[in-house]
Amino acid sequence: MVDTKELWIKTGYDIFAKSGITGLKIERLAKKIGISKSSFYHHFVDLDLFIQYLLEFHISQSYIIAKKEVKAQNIDPDLIDILVEHKVDLLFNRQLRINREQKKYSDTLTKSSLIIGNAFTMRWVKDMELRLNEKQLEAIFELALENFYLQATVESINHKWLLSYFAYLKRVIGSFV
């Protein structure tokens, strides 16, 4: 038996990741999963509570990603494989960045970044062979992250594009150091 609450959350998570807040329409969700709208209201009461569940789900996904990143030995293929596997999570994070003027999205983005950031950053610094102080690394990483999310789409998050993106970053950063 499928847990309908979980089905609502996973479907909503996917839609939010790909279409943002404007894509979260209860009727659209119900149609996509083939369950009546009354089921939604039974589980969540309203869209605000539902969004809170989506944000909590994102934090749980962040912990899963962080555990995998700690085990990554290199960017290619280990880290890239993780990023491709968690494409929807990356796109959800992108939507958090887009909507970060709202506190609930900003808070979730900050928390998610703290969970995932360190393992990813350390692997990235090692593979990029960066010899910079902590402030410089933080600044470059933040710029790279902003640039990444400007380009990230459902289509672009694949092994070929990510490999090319990391090579591009290495060239650009190499010109500064």
N, C-alpha and C. Protein backbone atom coordinates (compact mmCIF):
# COMPACT_ATOMS: atom_id res chain seq x y z
N MET A 1 0.85 -1.19 0.00
CA MET A 1 0.00 0.00 0.00
C MET A 1 0.88 1.24 0.00
N VAL A 2 0.64 2.14 -0.89
CA VAL A 2 1.41 3.37 -1.01
C VAL A 2 0.93 4.38 0.03
N ASP A 3 1.87 5.00 0.73
CA ASP A 3 1.54 6.06 1.69
C ASP A 3 1.19 7.31 0.89
N THR A 4 -0.08 7.70 0.92
CA THR A 4 -0.52 8.83 0.11
C THR A 4 0.13 10.14 0.55
N LYS A 5 0.39 10.29 1.83
CA LYS A 5 1.04 11.52 2.31
C LYS A 5 2.43 11.63 1.69
N GLU A 6 3.16 10.54 1.69
CA GLU A 6 4.50 10.53 1.09
C GLU A 6 4.42 10.79 -0.41
N LEU A 7 3.42 10.24 -1.06
CA LEU A 7 3.23 10.46 -2.50
C LEU A 7 2.97 11.94 -2.79
N TRP A 8 2.13 12.57 -1.99
CA TRP A 8 1.90 14.01 -2.14
C TRP A 8 3.21 14.77 -1.99
N ILE A 9 3.98 14.45 -0.97
CA ILE A 9 5.22 15.18 -0.69
C ILE A 9 6.23 15.00 -1.82
N LYS A 10 6.44 13.77 -2.24
CA LYS A 10 7.43 13.53 -3.30
C LYS A 10 7.02 14.17 -4.62
N THR A 11 5.75 14.12 -4.93
CA THR A 11 5.27 14.75 -6.16
C THR A 11 5.36 16.27 -6.06
N GLY A 12 4.96 16.81 -4.94
CA GLY A 12 5.07 18.26 -4.73
C GLY A 12 6.50 18.73 -4.76
N TYR A 13 7.39 17.94 -4.19
CA TYR A 13 8.82 18.26 -4.17
C TYR A 13 9.35 18.35 -5.60
N ASP A 14 8.99 17.38 -6.40
CA ASP A 14 9.43 17.36 -7.80
C ASP A 14 8.87 18.56 -8.57
N ILE A 15 7.61 18.86 -8.38
CA ILE A 15 7.00 19.99 -9.09
C ILE A 15 7.62 21.31 -8.64
N PHE A 16 7.80 21.48 -7.33
CA PHE A 16 8.43 22.71 -6.83
C PHE A 16 9.84 22.85 -7.40
N ALA A 17 10.57 21.75 -7.43
CA ALA A 17 11.95 21.78 -7.94
C ALA A 17 12.00 22.24 -9.40
N LYS A 18 11.05 21.80 -10.19
CA LYS A 18 11.08 22.08 -11.62
C LYS A 18 10.31 23.33 -12.03
N SER A 19 9.28 23.69 -11.24
CA SER A 19 8.41 24.81 -11.64
C SER A 19 8.32 25.92 -10.61
N GLY A 20 8.88 25.70 -9.44
CA GLY A 20 8.82 26.72 -8.40
C GLY A 20 7.47 26.75 -7.70
N ILE A 21 7.31 27.75 -6.88
CA ILE A 21 6.10 27.89 -6.07
C ILE A 21 4.85 28.03 -6.94
N THR A 22 4.99 28.67 -8.09
CA THR A 22 3.82 28.86 -8.96
C THR A 22 3.30 27.54 -9.53
N GLY A 23 4.14 26.52 -9.55
CA GLY A 23 3.72 25.22 -10.05
C GLY A 23 2.93 24.40 -9.04
N LEU A 24 2.96 24.82 -7.79
CA LEU A 24 2.28 24.06 -6.73
C LEU A 24 0.80 24.43 -6.67
N LYS A 25 0.04 23.77 -7.47
CA LYS A 25 -1.41 23.92 -7.47
C LYS A 25 -2.01 22.58 -7.03
N ILE A 26 -2.87 22.62 -6.07
CA ILE A 26 -3.42 21.39 -5.50
C ILE A 26 -4.11 20.55 -6.56
N GLU A 27 -4.86 21.19 -7.42
CA GLU A 27 -5.55 20.44 -8.48
C GLU A 27 -4.55 19.76 -9.42
N ARG A 28 -3.49 20.47 -9.75
CA ARG A 28 -2.45 19.90 -10.62
C ARG A 28 -1.78 18.70 -9.95
N LEU A 29 -1.46 18.84 -8.65
CA LEU A 29 -0.87 17.73 -7.90
C LEU A 29 -1.80 16.52 -7.87
N ALA A 30 -3.06 16.78 -7.58
CA ALA A 30 -4.04 15.69 -7.49
C ALA A 30 -4.16 14.95 -8.82
N LYS A 31 -4.19 15.71 -9.89
CA LYS A 31 -4.29 15.10 -11.22
C LYS A 31 -3.04 14.27 -11.53
N LYS A 32 -1.89 14.80 -11.19
CA LYS A 32 -0.63 14.10 -11.48
C LYS A 32 -0.53 12.76 -10.75
N ILE A 33 -0.98 12.72 -9.50
CA ILE A 33 -0.86 11.47 -8.75
C ILE A 33 -2.13 10.62 -8.75
N GLY A 34 -3.22 11.19 -9.31
CA GLY A 34 -4.45 10.42 -9.43
C GLY A 34 -5.19 10.21 -8.12
N ILE A 35 -5.12 11.21 -7.25
CA ILE A 35 -5.80 11.15 -5.96
C ILE A 35 -6.64 12.42 -5.83
N SER A 36 -7.76 12.30 -5.15
CA SER A 36 -8.65 13.46 -5.02
C SER A 36 -8.02 14.56 -4.18
N LYS A 37 -8.46 15.79 -4.43
CA LYS A 37 -7.98 16.94 -3.66
C LYS A 37 -8.31 16.81 -2.18
N SER A 38 -9.38 16.13 -1.85
CA SER A 38 -9.75 15.98 -0.44
C SER A 38 -8.67 15.24 0.33
N SER A 39 -7.95 14.34 -0.32
CA SER A 39 -6.83 13.64 0.31
C SER A 39 -5.74 14.63 0.71
N PHE A 40 -5.51 15.60 -0.15
CA PHE A 40 -4.52 16.63 0.16
C PHE A 40 -4.90 17.35 1.45
N TYR A 41 -6.14 17.81 1.52
CA TYR A 41 -6.60 18.56 2.69
C TYR A 41 -6.64 17.69 3.94
N HIS A 42 -6.86 16.41 3.78
CA HIS A 42 -6.83 15.48 4.91
C HIS A 42 -5.43 15.44 5.53
N HIS A 43 -4.41 15.43 4.67
CA HIS A 43 -3.03 15.32 5.16
C HIS A 43 -2.40 16.66 5.55
N PHE A 44 -2.76 17.73 4.85
CA PHE A 44 -2.00 18.98 4.99
C PHE A 44 -2.80 20.21 5.37
N VAL A 45 -4.07 20.18 5.33
CA VAL A 45 -4.96 21.30 5.67
C VAL A 45 -4.87 22.43 4.64
N ASP A 46 -3.65 22.91 4.36
CA ASP A 46 -3.51 23.99 3.38
C ASP A 46 -2.13 23.94 2.72
N LEU A 47 -1.95 24.79 1.74
CA LEU A 47 -0.70 24.81 0.96
C LEU A 47 0.49 25.23 1.81
N ASP A 48 0.30 26.13 2.76
CA ASP A 48 1.41 26.57 3.62
C ASP A 48 1.98 25.41 4.44
N LEU A 49 1.11 24.59 5.00
CA LEU A 49 1.59 23.43 5.76
C LEU A 49 2.28 22.44 4.82
N PHE A 50 1.72 22.26 3.65
CA PHE A 50 2.33 21.37 2.66
C PHE A 50 3.73 21.83 2.30
N ILE A 51 3.90 23.11 2.08
CA ILE A 51 5.22 23.65 1.76
C ILE A 51 6.19 23.41 2.91
N GLN A 52 5.72 23.52 4.13
CA GLN A 52 6.58 23.23 5.28
C GLN A 52 7.08 21.78 5.24
N TYR A 53 6.20 20.86 4.86
CA TYR A 53 6.61 19.46 4.71
C TYR A 53 7.65 19.32 3.60
N LEU A 54 7.48 20.05 2.51
CA LEU A 54 8.45 20.00 1.41
C LEU A 54 9.82 20.50 1.87
N LEU A 55 9.83 21.56 2.65
CA LEU A 55 11.08 22.12 3.16
C LEU A 55 11.76 21.14 4.11
N GLU A 56 10.99 20.48 4.94
CA GLU A 56 11.55 19.47 5.85
C GLU A 56 12.08 18.27 5.07
N PHE A 57 11.37 17.89 4.02
CA PHE A 57 11.84 16.80 3.17
C PHE A 57 13.17 17.16 2.52
N HIS A 58 13.30 18.42 2.12
CA HIS A 58 14.56 18.87 1.51
C HIS A 58 15.72 18.76 2.50
N ILE A 59 15.47 19.10 3.73
CA ILE A 59 16.53 18.98 4.75
C ILE A 59 16.92 17.51 4.91
N SER A 60 15.95 16.61 4.93
CA SER A 60 16.29 15.18 5.04
C SER A 60 17.07 14.71 3.82
N GLN A 61 16.75 15.22 2.64
CA GLN A 61 17.51 14.89 1.44
C GLN A 61 18.93 15.44 1.53
N SER A 62 19.08 16.60 2.14
CA SER A 62 20.41 17.21 2.29
C SER A 62 21.33 16.31 3.13
N TYR A 63 20.79 15.71 4.16
CA TYR A 63 21.59 14.78 4.98
C TYR A 63 22.01 13.56 4.17
N ILE A 64 21.12 13.06 3.35
CA ILE A 64 21.46 11.90 2.50
C ILE A 64 22.58 12.27 1.53
N ILE A 65 22.48 13.43 0.91
CA ILE A 65 23.51 13.88 -0.03
C ILE A 65 24.84 14.07 0.69
N ALA A 66 24.81 14.70 1.85
CA ALA A 66 26.04 14.95 2.61
C ALA A 66 26.76 13.65 2.96
N LYS A 67 26.01 12.62 3.35
CA LYS A 67 26.62 11.32 3.67
C LYS A 67 27.33 10.74 2.45
N LYS A 68 26.73 10.91 1.29
CA LYS A 68 27.34 10.40 0.06
C LYS A 68 28.57 11.22 -0.31
N GLU A 69 28.49 12.54 -0.15
CA GLU A 69 29.61 13.40 -0.53
C GLU A 69 30.85 13.13 0.33
N VAL A 70 30.67 12.80 1.58
CA VAL A 70 31.80 12.50 2.46
C VAL A 70 32.59 11.31 1.91
N LYS A 71 31.89 10.38 1.29
CA LYS A 71 32.52 9.18 0.74
C LYS A 71 33.15 9.41 -0.64
N ALA A 72 32.82 10.51 -1.28
CA ALA A 72 33.33 10.78 -2.64
C ALA A 72 34.85 10.94 -2.60
N GLN A 73 35.51 10.27 -3.51
CA GLN A 73 36.97 10.34 -3.60
C GLN A 73 37.45 11.42 -4.56
N ASN A 74 36.58 11.82 -5.48
CA ASN A 74 36.97 12.81 -6.48
C ASN A 74 35.72 13.44 -7.10
N ILE A 75 35.95 14.47 -7.90
CA ILE A 75 34.82 15.11 -8.57
C ILE A 75 34.26 14.19 -9.65
N ASP A 76 35.14 13.66 -10.48
CA ASP A 76 34.72 12.78 -11.56
C ASP A 76 35.27 11.39 -11.35
N PRO A 77 34.44 10.41 -11.16
CA PRO A 77 32.99 10.44 -11.35
C PRO A 77 32.18 10.58 -10.05
N ASP A 78 32.81 10.42 -8.90
CA ASP A 78 32.06 10.29 -7.64
C ASP A 78 31.08 11.44 -7.38
N LEU A 79 31.59 12.66 -7.31
CA LEU A 79 30.75 13.80 -6.97
C LEU A 79 29.73 14.08 -8.07
N ILE A 80 30.17 13.97 -9.30
CA ILE A 80 29.26 14.20 -10.42
C ILE A 80 28.12 13.19 -10.40
N ASP A 81 28.43 11.93 -10.11
CA ASP A 81 27.38 10.91 -10.02
C ASP A 81 26.36 11.26 -8.94
N ILE A 82 26.83 11.77 -7.82
CA ILE A 82 25.92 12.16 -6.74
C ILE A 82 25.04 13.32 -7.19
N LEU A 83 25.63 14.30 -7.84
CA LEU A 83 24.86 15.46 -8.31
C LEU A 83 23.80 15.05 -9.33
N VAL A 84 24.15 14.16 -10.24
CA VAL A 84 23.18 13.71 -11.24
C VAL A 84 22.07 12.91 -10.56
N GLU A 85 22.44 12.04 -9.64
CA GLU A 85 21.44 11.24 -8.91
C GLU A 85 20.46 12.14 -8.14
N HIS A 86 20.95 13.26 -7.64
CA HIS A 86 20.14 14.16 -6.82
C HIS A 86 19.77 15.44 -7.58
N LYS A 87 19.54 15.29 -8.87
CA LYS A 87 19.17 16.41 -9.73
C LYS A 87 17.96 17.18 -9.18
N VAL A 88 16.94 16.46 -8.78
CA VAL A 88 15.72 17.12 -8.28
C VAL A 88 16.03 17.91 -7.02
N ASP A 89 16.89 17.37 -6.15
CA ASP A 89 17.28 18.09 -4.94
C ASP A 89 18.04 19.37 -5.27
N LEU A 90 18.90 19.31 -6.28
CA LEU A 90 19.63 20.51 -6.71
C LEU A 90 18.66 21.55 -7.26
N LEU A 91 17.69 21.10 -8.04
CA LEU A 91 16.72 22.03 -8.60
C LEU A 91 15.82 22.61 -7.51
N PHE A 92 15.52 21.82 -6.49
CA PHE A 92 14.75 22.34 -5.36
C PHE A 92 15.57 23.43 -4.66
N ASN A 93 16.84 23.16 -4.48
CA ASN A 93 17.74 24.14 -3.86
C ASN A 93 17.79 25.42 -4.70
N ARG A 94 17.78 25.25 -6.01
CA ARG A 94 17.76 26.41 -6.92
C ARG A 94 16.51 27.26 -6.67
N GLN A 95 15.37 26.61 -6.50
CA GLN A 95 14.13 27.33 -6.22
C GLN A 95 14.20 28.05 -4.86
N LEU A 96 14.87 27.44 -3.90
CA LEU A 96 15.06 28.11 -2.61
C LEU A 96 15.87 29.39 -2.81
N ARG A 97 16.90 29.32 -3.63
CA ARG A 97 17.73 30.50 -3.92
C ARG A 97 16.90 31.58 -4.62
N ILE A 98 16.10 31.18 -5.57
CA ILE A 98 15.27 32.13 -6.31
C ILE A 98 14.30 32.84 -5.36
N ASN A 99 13.78 32.12 -4.39
CA ASN A 99 12.76 32.65 -3.49
C ASN A 99 13.32 33.01 -2.12
N ARG A 100 14.61 33.22 -2.03
CA ARG A 100 15.24 33.42 -0.71
C ARG A 100 14.85 34.73 -0.03
N GLU A 101 14.12 35.60 -0.69
CA GLU A 101 13.66 36.82 -0.01
C GLU A 101 12.59 36.48 1.02
N GLN A 102 11.99 35.30 0.90
CA GLN A 102 11.03 34.84 1.90
C GLN A 102 11.77 34.02 2.96
N LYS A 103 11.54 34.35 4.20
CA LYS A 103 12.30 33.79 5.32
C LYS A 103 12.32 32.25 5.34
N LYS A 104 11.18 31.63 5.11
CA LYS A 104 11.14 30.17 5.21
C LYS A 104 12.04 29.51 4.16
N TYR A 105 12.14 30.12 2.99
CA TYR A 105 13.02 29.58 1.95
C TYR A 105 14.48 29.89 2.26
N SER A 106 14.73 31.09 2.72
CA SER A 106 16.09 31.49 3.09
C SER A 106 16.62 30.62 4.23
N ASP A 107 15.80 30.40 5.24
CA ASP A 107 16.23 29.57 6.37
C ASP A 107 16.53 28.14 5.94
N THR A 108 15.69 27.59 5.08
CA THR A 108 15.91 26.22 4.60
C THR A 108 17.16 26.16 3.73
N LEU A 109 17.37 27.15 2.90
CA LEU A 109 18.57 27.21 2.07
C LEU A 109 19.82 27.26 2.93
N THR A 110 19.81 28.08 3.95
CA THR A 110 20.96 28.19 4.85
C THR A 110 21.23 26.85 5.54
N LYS A 111 20.19 26.26 6.07
CA LYS A 111 20.36 24.99 6.77
C LYS A 111 20.86 23.90 5.83
N SER A 112 20.28 23.82 4.66
CA SER A 112 20.70 22.83 3.66
C SER A 112 22.16 23.04 3.25
N SER A 113 22.53 24.29 3.05
CA SER A 113 23.91 24.61 2.66
C SER A 113 24.91 24.22 3.74
N LEU A 114 24.54 24.41 4.99
CA LEU A 114 25.42 24.01 6.09
C LEU A 114 25.58 22.50 6.15
N ILE A 115 24.54 21.77 5.85
CA ILE A 115 24.59 20.31 5.89
C ILE A 115 25.45 19.78 4.75
N ILE A 116 25.21 20.28 3.56
CA ILE A 116 25.89 19.76 2.36
C ILE A 116 27.23 20.41 2.11
N GLY A 117 27.33 21.69 2.36
CA GLY A 117 28.45 22.51 1.93
C GLY A 117 29.84 22.03 2.25
N ASN A 118 30.10 21.62 3.47
CA ASN A 118 31.47 21.34 3.87
C ASN A 118 32.09 20.18 3.11
N ALA A 119 31.40 19.05 3.02
CA ALA A 119 31.95 17.89 2.31
C ALA A 119 32.17 18.21 0.84
N PHE A 120 31.19 18.88 0.23
CA PHE A 120 31.30 19.25 -1.17
C PHE A 120 32.47 20.20 -1.39
N THR A 121 32.55 21.23 -0.55
CA THR A 121 33.61 22.23 -0.69
C THR A 121 34.99 21.61 -0.56
N MET A 122 35.16 20.73 0.43
CA MET A 122 36.48 20.12 0.64
C MET A 122 36.89 19.25 -0.55
N ARG A 123 35.96 18.50 -1.11
CA ARG A 123 36.26 17.67 -2.28
C ARG A 123 36.60 18.55 -3.46
N TRP A 124 35.85 19.63 -3.63
CA TRP A 124 36.04 20.56 -4.73
C TRP A 124 37.40 21.23 -4.62
N VAL A 125 37.76 21.71 -3.44
CA VAL A 125 39.04 22.39 -3.21
C VAL A 125 40.19 21.44 -3.51
N LYS A 126 40.09 20.21 -3.04
CA LYS A 126 41.16 19.23 -3.26
C LYS A 126 41.33 18.91 -4.75
N ASP A 127 40.23 18.63 -5.43
CA ASP A 127 40.32 18.28 -6.85
C ASP A 127 40.73 19.47 -7.72
N MET A 128 40.35 20.67 -7.32
CA MET A 128 40.71 21.86 -8.08
C MET A 128 42.13 22.32 -7.75
N GLU A 129 42.72 21.71 -6.73
CA GLU A 129 44.08 22.05 -6.29
C GLU A 129 44.20 23.54 -5.96
N LEU A 130 43.22 24.02 -5.21
CA LEU A 130 43.21 25.43 -4.84
C LEU A 130 44.04 25.67 -3.59
N ARG A 131 44.90 26.65 -3.67
CA ARG A 131 45.73 27.01 -2.53
C ARG A 131 45.41 28.46 -2.15
N LEU A 132 44.25 28.59 -1.54
CA LEU A 132 43.77 29.90 -1.16
C LEU A 132 43.42 29.90 0.32
N ASN A 133 43.35 31.09 0.89
CA ASN A 133 42.94 31.13 2.29
C ASN A 133 41.43 30.90 2.39
N GLU A 134 40.94 30.73 3.60
CA GLU A 134 39.54 30.37 3.81
C GLU A 134 38.56 31.41 3.25
N LYS A 135 38.87 32.68 3.45
CA LYS A 135 37.99 33.75 2.93
C LYS A 135 37.92 33.72 1.41
N GLN A 136 39.07 33.52 0.76
CA GLN A 136 39.10 33.46 -0.69
C GLN A 136 38.30 32.25 -1.20
N LEU A 137 38.48 31.11 -0.53
CA LEU A 137 37.74 29.91 -0.92
C LEU A 137 36.23 30.11 -0.79
N GLU A 138 35.81 30.70 0.31
CA GLU A 138 34.38 30.94 0.53
C GLU A 138 33.83 31.86 -0.56
N ALA A 139 34.56 32.91 -0.90
CA ALA A 139 34.10 33.86 -1.91
C ALA A 139 34.00 33.20 -3.28
N ILE A 140 35.01 32.46 -3.66
CA ILE A 140 35.01 31.80 -4.97
C ILE A 140 33.93 30.73 -5.02
N PHE A 141 33.79 29.99 -3.94
CA PHE A 141 32.76 28.95 -3.92
C PHE A 141 31.37 29.55 -4.04
N GLU A 142 31.12 30.65 -3.37
CA GLU A 142 29.80 31.30 -3.44
C GLU A 142 29.52 31.80 -4.85
N LEU A 143 30.53 32.39 -5.49
CA LEU A 143 30.35 32.83 -6.88
C LEU A 143 30.10 31.65 -7.82
N ALA A 144 30.85 30.59 -7.62
CA ALA A 144 30.68 29.39 -8.44
C ALA A 144 29.29 28.80 -8.24
N LEU A 145 28.82 28.80 -7.01
CA LEU A 145 27.50 28.26 -6.70
C LEU A 145 26.39 29.09 -7.34
N GLU A 146 26.51 30.41 -7.24
CA GLU A 146 25.52 31.29 -7.88
C GLU A 146 25.51 31.06 -9.39
N ASN A 147 26.69 30.98 -9.98
CA ASN A 147 26.80 30.74 -11.41
C ASN A 147 26.20 29.38 -11.79
N PHE A 148 26.47 28.37 -10.98
CA PHE A 148 25.94 27.04 -11.22
C PHE A 148 24.41 27.07 -11.26
N TYR A 149 23.81 27.68 -10.24
CA TYR A 149 22.35 27.68 -10.16
C TYR A 149 21.70 28.55 -11.23
N LEU A 150 22.43 29.51 -11.78
CA LEU A 150 21.90 30.28 -12.91
C LEU A 150 21.77 29.40 -14.15
N GLN A 151 22.65 28.42 -14.27
CA GLN A 151 22.68 27.56 -15.45
C GLN A 151 21.97 26.23 -15.28
N ALA A 152 21.73 25.82 -14.04
CA ALA A 152 21.18 24.50 -13.76
C ALA A 152 19.73 24.39 -14.23
N THR A 153 19.48 23.36 -15.02
CA THR A 153 18.12 23.05 -15.49
C THR A 153 17.95 21.53 -15.44
N VAL A 154 16.74 21.09 -15.66
CA VAL A 154 16.48 19.66 -15.72
C VAL A 154 17.38 19.01 -16.78
N GLU A 155 17.53 19.69 -17.90
CA GLU A 155 18.31 19.14 -19.01
C GLU A 155 19.82 19.24 -18.77
N SER A 156 20.27 20.30 -18.13
CA SER A 156 21.72 20.52 -18.02
C SER A 156 22.39 19.69 -16.94
N ILE A 157 21.66 19.27 -15.95
CA ILE A 157 22.31 18.51 -14.87
C ILE A 157 22.48 17.06 -15.33
N ASN A 158 23.60 16.84 -16.00
CA ASN A 158 23.98 15.51 -16.46
C ASN A 158 25.50 15.41 -16.38
N HIS A 159 26.01 14.22 -16.56
CA HIS A 159 27.44 13.99 -16.39
C HIS A 159 28.28 14.85 -17.32
N LYS A 160 27.90 14.92 -18.58
CA LYS A 160 28.68 15.69 -19.57
C LYS A 160 28.74 17.17 -19.20
N TRP A 161 27.59 17.76 -18.89
CA TRP A 161 27.56 19.19 -18.56
C TRP A 161 28.32 19.47 -17.27
N LEU A 162 28.14 18.64 -16.25
CA LEU A 162 28.83 18.86 -14.98
C LEU A 162 30.35 18.73 -15.15
N LEU A 163 30.79 17.77 -15.91
CA LEU A 163 32.22 17.62 -16.17
C LEU A 163 32.76 18.87 -16.86
N SER A 164 32.04 19.36 -17.83
CA SER A 164 32.43 20.58 -18.54
C SER A 164 32.40 21.78 -17.60
N TYR A 165 31.40 21.85 -16.73
CA TYR A 165 31.28 22.97 -15.80
C TYR A 165 32.46 23.01 -14.82
N PHE A 166 32.82 21.86 -14.28
CA PHE A 166 33.95 21.82 -13.35
C PHE A 166 35.27 22.15 -14.06
N ALA A 167 35.41 21.74 -15.30
CA ALA A 167 36.61 22.09 -16.07
C ALA A 167 36.66 23.60 -16.31
N TYR A 168 35.51 24.17 -16.63
CA TYR A 168 35.41 25.63 -16.81
C TYR A 168 35.82 26.37 -15.53
N LEU A 169 35.29 25.93 -14.40
CA LEU A 169 35.64 26.57 -13.12
C LEU A 169 37.14 26.48 -12.86
N LYS A 170 37.72 25.34 -13.15
CA LYS A 170 39.15 25.16 -12.93
C LYS A 170 39.97 26.15 -13.77
N ARG A 171 39.55 26.34 -15.02
CA ARG A 171 40.24 27.29 -15.91
C ARG A 171 40.08 28.71 -15.39
N VAL A 172 38.87 29.09 -15.05
CA VAL A 172 38.60 30.46 -14.59
C VAL A 172 39.34 30.75 -13.29
N ILE A 173 39.23 29.85 -12.34
CA ILE A 173 39.88 30.05 -11.05
C ILE A 173 41.40 30.02 -11.20
N GLY A 174 41.87 29.16 -12.10
CA GLY A 174 43.32 29.09 -12.34
C GLY A 174 43.89 30.40 -12.84
N SER A 175 43.09 31.17 -13.54
CA SER A 175 43.58 32.46 -14.05
C SER A 175 43.73 33.50 -12.94
N PHE A 176 43.08 33.26 -11.80
CA PHE A 176 43.18 34.18 -10.67
C PHE A 176 44.32 33.86 -9.71
N VAL A 177 44.70 32.60 -9.68
CA VAL A 177 45.71 32.19 -8.67
C VAL A 177 47.07 31.97 -9.27
